[in-house]
Amino acid sequence: MHPPYSCTAEYPAIYGGVFCGSFINRINLGSLIMDNHKPIVRLHLWLEENNDVFFGFGRAQLLENIARYGSLKKAAESLGMSYRAAWGKIKKTEAVLGCQLLAKSGSNREGYRLTAFGNELKDKYSFWFKKVEQDALKTAEEIFPWLSKPYQDKKPE
């Protein structure tokens, strides 16, 4: 869908995720009808090395659910992924960082718990994500004429 204004020297626009011209200084978005807009800010933040992801939101959720359920299998199922995929993601992160994220809770049947390092990594990622999200919301409020909201992920019960 094309925006209601064109990307010209007089009225630059945002189109295809690209800023055309000096958007902020040249167009008054407040003059456009924005009552219907209730945007949600979505962020994709991850850490990578050599163009390969080793930690991000999905892995933080996986660790959170392992802590909640005490089970890698239940944590994986709650996120709609296979045990093998979850195990692979955990092992990849451990290999890159050189630290264990999980420890067995007794026998194989008793499941897993987070190591101190795994718990700290999960918590620090969560802190970083929330900080970046707050900064993004604040900046969106300064730039756009509508109030943006943070994304609210549905928590499993």
C-alpha atoms as a PDB file:
ATOM      1  CA  MET A   1       0.000   0.000   0.000  1.00  0.00           C
ATOM      2  CA  HIS A   2       1.347   3.391  -0.957  1.00  0.00           C
ATOM      3  CA  PRO A   3       1.403   6.247   1.530  1.00  0.00           C
ATOM      4  CA  PRO A   4      -1.105   9.091   1.027  1.00  0.00           C
ATOM      5  CA  TYR A   5       1.721  11.454   0.068  1.00  0.00           C
ATOM      6  CA  SER A   6       4.608  11.180  -2.364  1.00  0.00           C
ATOM      7  CA  CYS A   7       8.331  11.193  -1.770  1.00  0.00           C
ATOM      8  CA  THR A   8       9.199  14.595  -3.226  1.00  0.00           C
ATOM      9  CA  ALA A   9      11.290  17.508  -2.105  1.00  0.00           C
ATOM     10  CA  GLU A  10       8.138  19.164  -0.751  1.00  0.00           C
ATOM     11  CA  TYR A  11       6.642  16.165   1.058  1.00  0.00           C
ATOM     12  CA  PRO A  12       9.137  13.438   1.799  1.00  0.00           C
ATOM     13  CA  ALA A  13       7.666  10.176   3.050  1.00  0.00           C
ATOM     14  CA  ILE A  14       8.527   6.915   4.673  1.00  0.00           C
ATOM     15  CA  TYR A  15       8.156   4.182   2.099  1.00  0.00           C
ATOM     16  CA  GLY A  16       9.449   0.636   2.270  1.00  0.00           C
ATOM     17  CA  GLY A  17      11.180   1.340   5.571  1.00  0.00           C
ATOM     18  CA  VAL A  18      13.375   4.051   4.013  1.00  0.00           C
ATOM     19  CA  PHE A  19      13.347   7.700   5.044  1.00  0.00           C
ATOM     20  CA  CYS A  20      13.045   9.947   1.992  1.00  0.00           C
ATOM     21  CA  GLY A  21      14.544  13.385   2.415  1.00  0.00           C
ATOM     22  CA  SER A  22      14.565  15.192   5.731  1.00  0.00           C
ATOM     23  CA  PHE A  23      11.352  13.578   6.929  1.00  0.00           C
ATOM     24  CA  ILE A  24      11.346  14.866  10.510  1.00  0.00           C
ATOM     25  CA  ASN A  25      11.857  18.518   9.595  1.00  0.00           C
ATOM     26  CA  ARG A  26       9.731  18.750   6.465  1.00  0.00           C
ATOM     27  CA  ILE A  27       6.416  17.060   7.139  1.00  0.00           C
ATOM     28  CA  ASN A  28       4.025  17.536   9.994  1.00  0.00           C
ATOM     29  CA  LEU A  29       2.607  14.083  10.612  1.00  0.00           C
ATOM     30  CA  GLY A  30       0.345  15.592  13.239  1.00  0.00           C
ATOM     31  CA  SER A  31      -1.648  17.183  10.434  1.00  0.00           C
ATOM     32  CA  LEU A  32      -2.542  13.726   9.115  1.00  0.00           C
ATOM     33  CA  ILE A  33      -5.477  11.920  10.694  1.00  0.00           C
ATOM     34  CA  MET A  34      -3.902   9.509  13.175  1.00  0.00           C
ATOM     35  CA  ASP A  35      -6.749   8.725  15.574  1.00  0.00           C
ATOM     36  CA  ASN A  36      -7.114   5.193  14.191  1.00  0.00           C
ATOM     37  CA  HIS A  37      -3.446   4.281  14.629  1.00  0.00           C
ATOM     38  CA  LYS A  38      -2.401   2.337  17.691  1.00  0.00           C
ATOM     39  CA  PRO A  39       0.982   0.932  16.682  1.00  0.00           C
ATOM     40  CA  ILE A  40       2.868  -1.642  18.687  1.00  0.00           C
ATOM     41  CA  VAL A  41       6.651  -1.431  18.778  1.00  0.00           C
ATOM     42  CA  ARG A  42       8.253  -4.785  17.945  1.00  0.00           C
ATOM     43  CA  LEU A  43      11.970  -5.355  18.357  1.00  0.00           C
ATOM     44  CA  HIS A  44      14.255  -8.118  17.199  1.00  0.00           C
ATOM     45  CA  LEU A  45      17.448  -8.065  19.251  1.00  0.00           C
ATOM     46  CA  TRP A  46      20.029 -10.791  19.224  1.00  0.00           C
ATOM     47  CA  LEU A  47      23.711 -11.373  19.738  1.00  0.00           C
ATOM     48  CA  GLU A  48      25.713 -12.965  16.975  1.00  0.00           C
ATOM     49  CA  GLU A  49      29.244 -13.907  16.143  1.00  0.00           C
ATOM     50  CA  ASN A  50      30.510 -14.486  12.608  1.00  0.00           C
ATOM     51  CA  ASN A  51      26.992 -13.777  11.251  1.00  0.00           C
ATOM     52  CA  ASP A  52      25.569 -16.551  13.406  1.00  0.00           C
ATOM     53  CA  VAL A  53      23.038 -15.958  16.196  1.00  0.00           C
ATOM     54  CA  PHE A  54      24.049 -17.294  19.580  1.00  0.00           C
ATOM     55  CA  PHE A  55      21.531 -15.567  21.847  1.00  0.00           C
ATOM     56  CA  GLY A  56      18.296 -13.686  21.400  1.00  0.00           C
ATOM     57  CA  PHE A  57      14.699 -13.409  22.548  1.00  0.00           C
ATOM     58  CA  GLY A  58      13.809 -17.019  21.690  1.00  0.00           C
ATOM     59  CA  ARG A  59      16.706 -18.436  23.673  1.00  0.00           C
ATOM     60  CA  ALA A  60      15.930 -16.126  26.579  1.00  0.00           C
ATOM     61  CA  GLN A  61      12.336 -17.435  26.521  1.00  0.00           C
ATOM     62  CA  LEU A  62      13.654 -20.988  26.373  1.00  0.00           C
ATOM     63  CA  LEU A  63      15.802 -20.399  29.471  1.00  0.00           C
ATOM     64  CA  GLU A  64      12.891 -18.692  31.231  1.00  0.00           C
ATOM     65  CA  ASN A  65      10.674 -21.697  30.563  1.00  0.00           C
ATOM     66  CA  ILE A  66      13.338 -24.186  31.642  1.00  0.00           C
ATOM     67  CA  ALA A  67      13.531 -22.291  34.930  1.00  0.00           C
ATOM     68  CA  ARG A  68       9.712 -22.334  35.175  1.00  0.00           C
ATOM     69  CA  TYR A  69       9.126 -26.007  34.284  1.00  0.00           C
ATOM     70  CA  GLY A  70      12.431 -27.608  35.284  1.00  0.00           C
ATOM     71  CA  SER A  71      12.282 -29.457  31.979  1.00  0.00           C
ATOM     72  CA  LEU A  72      13.843 -28.799  28.595  1.00  0.00           C
ATOM     73  CA  LYS A  73      11.120 -30.888  26.954  1.00  0.00           C
ATOM     74  CA  LYS A  74       8.278 -28.892  28.530  1.00  0.00           C
ATOM     75  CA  ALA A  75      10.072 -25.600  27.838  1.00  0.00           C
ATOM     76  CA  ALA A  76      10.512 -26.529  24.167  1.00  0.00           C
ATOM     77  CA  GLU A  77       6.884 -27.674  23.838  1.00  0.00           C
ATOM     78  CA  SER A  78       5.630 -24.435  25.395  1.00  0.00           C
ATOM     79  CA  LEU A  79       7.436 -22.537  22.627  1.00  0.00           C
ATOM     80  CA  GLY A  80       6.298 -24.855  19.851  1.00  0.00           C
ATOM     81  CA  MET A  81       9.748 -26.278  19.134  1.00  0.00           C
ATOM     82  CA  SER A  82      11.162 -29.754  19.209  1.00  0.00           C
ATOM     83  CA  TYR A  83      13.369 -31.017  22.011  1.00  0.00           C
ATOM     84  CA  ARG A  84      16.173 -31.487  19.474  1.00  0.00           C
ATOM     85  CA  ALA A  85      15.929 -27.880  18.227  1.00  0.00           C
ATOM     86  CA  ALA A  86      15.924 -26.547  21.799  1.00  0.00           C
ATOM     87  CA  TRP A  87      18.881 -28.743  22.758  1.00  0.00           C
ATOM     88  CA  GLY A  88      20.777 -27.561  19.667  1.00  0.00           C
ATOM     89  CA  LYS A  89      20.200 -23.904  20.496  1.00  0.00           C
ATOM     90  CA  ILE A  90      21.376 -24.408  24.081  1.00  0.00           C
ATOM     91  CA  LYS A  91      24.486 -26.317  22.961  1.00  0.00           C
ATOM     92  CA  LYS A  92      25.344 -23.711  20.330  1.00  0.00           C
ATOM     93  CA  THR A  93      25.146 -20.872  22.852  1.00  0.00           C
ATOM     94  CA  GLU A  94      27.241 -22.856  25.332  1.00  0.00           C
ATOM     95  CA  ALA A  95      29.873 -23.553  22.648  1.00  0.00           C
ATOM     96  CA  VAL A  96      30.149 -19.896  21.624  1.00  0.00           C
ATOM     97  CA  LEU A  97      30.285 -18.579  25.198  1.00  0.00           C
ATOM     98  CA  GLY A  98      32.306 -21.435  26.675  1.00  0.00           C
ATOM     99  CA  CYS A  99      29.971 -21.764  29.671  1.00  0.00           C
ATOM    100  CA  GLN A 100      27.168 -24.145  30.588  1.00  0.00           C
ATOM    101  CA  LEU A 101      23.649 -22.753  30.678  1.00  0.00           C
ATOM    102  CA  LEU A 102      21.993 -25.859  32.126  1.00  0.00           C
ATOM    103  CA  ALA A 103      22.726 -28.489  34.740  1.00  0.00           C
ATOM    104  CA  LYS A 104      20.858 -31.717  35.407  1.00  0.00           C
ATOM    105  CA  SER A 105      18.556 -31.747  38.393  1.00  0.00           C
ATOM    106  CA  GLY A 106      19.522 -35.193  39.645  1.00  0.00           C
ATOM    107  CA  SER A 107      18.637 -38.092  37.336  1.00  0.00           C
ATOM    108  CA  ASN A 108      17.625 -37.712  33.684  1.00  0.00           C
ATOM    109  CA  ARG A 109      13.968 -37.924  34.672  1.00  0.00           C
ATOM    110  CA  GLU A 110      14.264 -34.969  37.039  1.00  0.00           C
ATOM    111  CA  GLY A 111      15.041 -32.512  34.252  1.00  0.00           C
ATOM    112  CA  TYR A 112      17.251 -29.435  34.147  1.00  0.00           C
ATOM    113  CA  ARG A 113      17.865 -26.246  36.012  1.00  0.00           C
ATOM    114  CA  LEU A 114      19.687 -23.100  34.928  1.00  0.00           C
ATOM    115  CA  THR A 115      23.271 -22.656  36.036  1.00  0.00           C
ATOM    116  CA  ALA A 116      24.174 -19.363  37.691  1.00  0.00           C
ATOM    117  CA  PHE A 117      25.622 -18.273  34.343  1.00  0.00           C
ATOM    118  CA  GLY A 118      22.468 -19.301  32.442  1.00  0.00           C
ATOM    119  CA  ASN A 119      20.270 -17.420  34.883  1.00  0.00           C
ATOM    120  CA  GLU A 120      22.455 -14.317  34.724  1.00  0.00           C
ATOM    121  CA  LEU A 121      22.552 -14.374  30.908  1.00  0.00           C
ATOM    122  CA  LYS A 122      18.737 -14.657  30.779  1.00  0.00           C
ATOM    123  CA  ASP A 123      18.306 -11.796  33.255  1.00  0.00           C
ATOM    124  CA  LYS A 124      20.840  -9.513  31.558  1.00  0.00           C
ATOM    125  CA  TYR A 125      19.302 -10.102  28.136  1.00  0.00           C
ATOM    126  CA  SER A 126      15.867  -9.316  29.574  1.00  0.00           C
ATOM    127  CA  PHE A 127      17.201  -6.102  31.154  1.00  0.00           C
ATOM    128  CA  TRP A 128      18.864  -5.073  27.880  1.00  0.00           C
ATOM    129  CA  PHE A 129      15.722  -5.835  25.857  1.00  0.00           C
ATOM    130  CA  LYS A 130      13.496  -3.797  28.202  1.00  0.00           C
ATOM    131  CA  LYS A 131      15.946  -0.869  28.150  1.00  0.00           C
ATOM    132  CA  VAL A 132      16.115  -0.819  24.340  1.00  0.00           C
ATOM    133  CA  GLU A 133      12.323  -1.151  24.142  1.00  0.00           C
ATOM    134  CA  GLN A 134      11.830   1.791  26.552  1.00  0.00           C
ATOM    135  CA  ASP A 135      14.237   3.907  24.507  1.00  0.00           C
ATOM    136  CA  ALA A 136      12.440   2.932  21.272  1.00  0.00           C
ATOM    137  CA  LEU A 137       9.028   3.825  22.734  1.00  0.00           C
ATOM    138  CA  LYS A 138      10.314   7.166  24.013  1.00  0.00           C
ATOM    139  CA  THR A 139      11.859   8.014  20.648  1.00  0.00           C
ATOM    140  CA  ALA A 140       8.699   6.950  18.784  1.00  0.00           C
ATOM    141  CA  GLU A 141       6.668   9.237  21.063  1.00  0.00           C
ATOM    142  CA  GLU A 142       9.005  12.149  20.237  1.00  0.00           C
ATOM    143  CA  ILE A 143       8.852  11.524  16.476  1.00  0.00           C
ATOM    144  CA  PHE A 144       5.332  10.300  15.685  1.00  0.00           C
ATOM    145  CA  PRO A 145       1.963  11.901  16.500  1.00  0.00           C
ATOM    146  CA  TRP A 146       0.482   8.687  17.880  1.00  0.00           C
ATOM    147  CA  LEU A 147       1.125   6.803  21.073  1.00  0.00           C
ATOM    148  CA  SER A 148       2.965   3.531  20.520  1.00  0.00           C
ATOM    149  CA  LYS A 149       2.655   0.576  22.856  1.00  0.00           C
ATOM    150  CA  PRO A 150       5.115  -2.159  23.732  1.00  0.00           C
ATOM    151  CA  TYR A 151       4.497  -5.653  22.405  1.00  0.00           C
ATOM    152  CA  GLN A 152       2.788  -7.877  24.978  1.00  0.00           C
ATOM    153  CA  ASP A 153       3.667 -11.520  24.451  1.00  0.00           C
ATOM    154  CA  LYS A 154       1.042 -13.959  25.659  1.00  0.00           C
ATOM    155  CA  LYS A 155       2.472 -15.769  28.661  1.00  0.00           C
ATOM    156  CA  PRO A 156       1.866 -19.511  28.836  1.00  0.00           C
ATOM    157  CA  GLU A 157      -0.250 -20.565  31.799  1.00  0.00           C
END
